[in-house]
Amino acid sequence: MRRGLRFVPLALLLAVVLELAVFVGVGRALGFGVAVLLVFAASLLGLVLLRREGMRAWRGFRAAAAAGQPPGGQVTDGLVGLAGALLLAVPGLVSGLVGLLLLVPPVRRLARAGVRRATERRVSSMVAGDLFGPRTVRVRQGAPQPTPQPEQPVVVDGGRAIEGEIVEPGRH
């Protein structure tokens, strides 16, 4: 099991406790009816936005694919929008606030960049290039760095070709 996955139940428990504490606090400050109405309104808004964000993500993906462009930008934008709408649809004031923040354009851009970086770290560079297009590289100008000299190749059997077969580990 992955190391981070064993903390998921604890994180969910803490999220539920936090949601309940905030709900009770809002209920005491504004009244129980107002707190229930806020949760209900946020969930209803989230359900409406869930459909809109899903359709928007699908249209963006199809447009990028039809234009022959890498669809990664549209996919990550769609994922962030869907996550925001889903968090808004889940009953709770804290999750609703986080979902609403993910739908605000500046926060959405930051989250989209984070999703892209996380994806690029987890997939091969070839897959990342297919998803997001060629990477941009910053070149610093300054004092030239010494170029490492390549090592001399090891010559086996006088330099003649040796026939062989490549066997992948685990496949015999």
Protein backbone atom coordinates (compact mmCIF):
# COMPACT_ATOMS: atom_id res chain seq x y z
CA MET A 1 0.00 0.00 0.00
CA ARG A 2 1.24 3.49 -0.78
CA ARG A 3 2.54 5.48 2.14
CA GLY A 4 0.11 8.38 1.79
CA LEU A 5 -2.98 6.20 1.46
CA ARG A 6 -2.91 4.97 5.02
CA PHE A 7 -3.71 8.51 6.23
CA VAL A 8 -6.89 8.81 4.12
CA PRO A 9 -9.27 7.45 6.81
CA LEU A 10 -7.78 9.82 9.39
CA ALA A 11 -8.05 12.76 6.97
CA LEU A 12 -11.70 11.91 6.24
CA LEU A 13 -12.46 11.70 9.95
CA LEU A 14 -10.81 15.07 10.59
CA ALA A 15 -12.74 16.59 7.66
CA VAL A 16 -16.05 15.36 9.09
CA VAL A 17 -15.20 16.68 12.56
CA LEU A 18 -14.18 20.04 11.06
CA GLU A 19 -17.41 20.23 9.02
CA LEU A 20 -19.50 19.49 12.13
CA ALA A 21 -17.63 22.04 14.23
CA VAL A 22 -18.05 24.76 11.61
CA PHE A 23 -21.73 23.87 11.14
CA VAL A 24 -22.36 24.10 14.89
CA GLY A 25 -20.44 27.39 15.07
CA VAL A 26 -22.41 28.91 12.18
CA GLY A 27 -25.62 27.52 13.66
CA ARG A 28 -24.93 29.21 16.99
CA ALA A 29 -23.89 32.49 15.37
CA LEU A 30 -26.58 32.81 12.69
CA GLY A 31 -29.18 30.26 13.71
CA PHE A 32 -29.75 26.62 12.87
CA GLY A 33 -32.16 27.36 9.99
CA VAL A 34 -29.69 29.71 8.30
CA ALA A 35 -26.90 27.13 8.60
CA VAL A 36 -29.08 24.41 7.05
CA LEU A 37 -30.16 26.81 4.29
CA LEU A 38 -26.50 27.68 3.52
CA VAL A 39 -25.55 24.00 3.25
CA PHE A 40 -28.58 23.27 1.06
CA ALA A 41 -27.96 26.27 -1.23
CA ALA A 42 -24.27 25.40 -1.63
CA SER A 43 -25.10 21.79 -2.48
CA LEU A 44 -27.71 22.84 -5.02
CA LEU A 45 -25.28 25.29 -6.63
CA GLY A 46 -22.64 22.55 -6.72
CA LEU A 47 -24.97 20.15 -8.52
CA VAL A 48 -25.79 22.78 -11.15
CA LEU A 49 -22.11 23.64 -11.60
CA LEU A 50 -21.12 19.98 -11.75
CA ARG A 51 -23.01 19.52 -14.99
CA ARG A 52 -21.80 22.83 -16.44
CA GLU A 53 -18.14 22.14 -15.57
CA GLY A 54 -18.36 18.61 -16.93
CA MET A 55 -19.74 19.79 -20.26
CA ARG A 56 -17.20 22.60 -20.41
CA ALA A 57 -14.33 20.17 -19.79
CA TRP A 58 -15.61 17.76 -22.44
CA ARG A 59 -16.00 20.53 -25.05
CA GLY A 60 -12.49 21.83 -24.31
CA PHE A 61 -11.02 18.34 -24.61
CA ARG A 62 -12.79 17.69 -27.92
CA ALA A 63 -11.77 21.08 -29.34
CA ALA A 64 -8.11 20.49 -28.46
CA ALA A 65 -8.19 16.98 -29.91
CA ALA A 66 -9.85 18.22 -33.11
CA ALA A 67 -7.25 20.98 -33.48
CA GLY A 68 -4.43 18.47 -32.98
CA GLN A 69 -3.22 20.23 -29.83
CA PRO A 70 -2.20 18.50 -26.61
CA PRO A 71 -5.35 18.23 -24.45
CA GLY A 72 -3.58 18.39 -21.08
CA GLY A 73 -4.42 22.03 -20.37
CA GLN A 74 -8.12 21.48 -20.98
CA VAL A 75 -8.08 18.23 -19.00
CA THR A 76 -6.42 19.78 -15.95
CA ASP A 77 -8.70 22.82 -16.11
CA GLY A 78 -11.70 20.50 -16.34
CA LEU A 79 -10.49 18.40 -13.42
CA VAL A 80 -10.04 21.44 -11.21
CA GLY A 81 -13.47 22.76 -12.18
CA LEU A 82 -15.10 19.39 -11.57
CA ALA A 83 -13.34 19.05 -8.22
CA GLY A 84 -14.56 22.51 -7.21
CA ALA A 85 -18.14 21.75 -8.24
CA LEU A 86 -18.03 18.35 -6.52
CA LEU A 87 -16.74 19.88 -3.28
CA LEU A 88 -19.50 22.47 -3.51
CA ALA A 89 -22.11 19.73 -4.05
CA VAL A 90 -20.95 17.74 -1.00
CA PRO A 91 -22.97 18.91 2.01
CA GLY A 92 -20.75 20.97 4.25
CA LEU A 93 -19.72 24.56 4.75
CA VAL A 94 -15.93 24.02 4.65
CA SER A 95 -16.01 21.78 1.57
CA GLY A 96 -18.38 24.27 -0.08
CA LEU A 97 -16.00 27.13 0.62
CA VAL A 98 -13.01 25.17 -0.76
CA GLY A 99 -15.07 24.20 -3.83
CA LEU A 100 -16.12 27.79 -4.38
CA LEU A 101 -12.49 28.93 -4.12
CA LEU A 102 -11.46 26.38 -6.75
CA LEU A 103 -13.92 28.00 -9.16
CA VAL A 104 -12.40 31.49 -8.75
CA PRO A 105 -10.08 32.08 -11.76
CA PRO A 106 -6.81 33.01 -9.93
CA VAL A 107 -7.12 30.10 -7.50
CA ARG A 108 -8.14 27.83 -10.37
CA ARG A 109 -4.96 28.76 -12.29
CA LEU A 110 -2.82 27.95 -9.25
CA ALA A 111 -4.58 24.61 -8.73
CA ARG A 112 -4.30 23.80 -12.44
CA ALA A 113 -0.55 24.45 -12.34
CA GLY A 114 -0.24 22.21 -9.29
CA VAL A 115 -2.17 19.40 -11.00
CA ARG A 116 0.05 19.74 -14.06
CA ARG A 117 3.27 19.58 -12.00
CA ALA A 118 2.00 16.56 -10.07
CA THR A 119 1.03 14.82 -13.31
CA GLU A 120 4.38 15.55 -14.94
CA ARG A 121 6.19 14.07 -11.92
CA ARG A 122 4.16 10.87 -11.99
CA VAL A 123 4.16 10.03 -15.71
CA SER A 124 6.98 9.54 -18.18
CA SER A 125 8.29 12.57 -20.04
CA MET A 126 6.90 11.18 -23.29
CA VAL A 127 3.38 10.92 -21.86
CA ALA A 128 3.70 14.40 -20.31
CA GLY A 129 4.75 15.73 -23.72
CA ASP A 130 1.73 14.12 -25.34
CA LEU A 131 -0.56 15.60 -22.70
CA PHE A 132 0.85 19.09 -22.31
CA GLY A 133 3.06 19.62 -25.35
CA PRO A 134 6.76 20.35 -25.29
CA ARG A 135 8.12 21.68 -22.04
CA THR A 136 9.56 25.13 -21.84
CA VAL A 137 13.08 25.40 -20.51
CA ARG A 138 14.66 28.45 -18.93
CA VAL A 139 18.21 29.13 -19.99
CA ARG A 140 20.39 31.10 -17.64
CA GLN A 141 23.16 33.12 -19.13
CA GLY A 142 26.32 33.55 -17.24
CA ALA A 143 29.67 31.90 -16.84
CA PRO A 144 29.89 28.76 -18.95
CA GLN A 145 29.85 25.54 -16.97
CA PRO A 146 32.65 23.06 -17.61
CA THR A 147 31.47 20.33 -19.94
CA PRO A 148 32.05 16.87 -18.53
CA GLN A 149 34.21 14.72 -20.76
CA PRO A 150 32.56 11.49 -21.87
CA GLU A 151 34.16 8.32 -20.60
CA GLN A 152 35.89 6.09 -23.08
CA PRO A 153 33.71 3.11 -24.06
CA VAL A 154 34.75 -0.29 -22.81
CA VAL A 155 35.95 -2.45 -25.69
CA VAL A 156 34.96 -6.10 -25.39
CA ASP A 157 36.37 -8.91 -27.53
CA GLY A 158 38.54 -6.63 -29.63
CA GLY A 159 35.61 -4.46 -30.74
CA ARG A 160 33.79 -7.20 -32.65
CA ALA A 161 30.00 -7.41 -32.53
CA ILE A 162 28.60 -9.88 -30.05
CA GLU A 163 25.26 -11.47 -30.80
CA GLY A 164 22.84 -11.67 -27.91
CA GLU A 165 19.29 -11.39 -26.74
CA ILE A 166 17.78 -8.81 -24.40
CA VAL A 167 15.75 -10.42 -21.66
CA GLU A 168 13.56 -8.17 -19.52
CA PRO A 169 13.61 -8.83 -15.79
CA GLY A 170 10.76 -11.11 -14.77
CA ARG A 171 10.19 -12.41 -18.32
CA HIS A 172 12.12 -15.53 -19.12
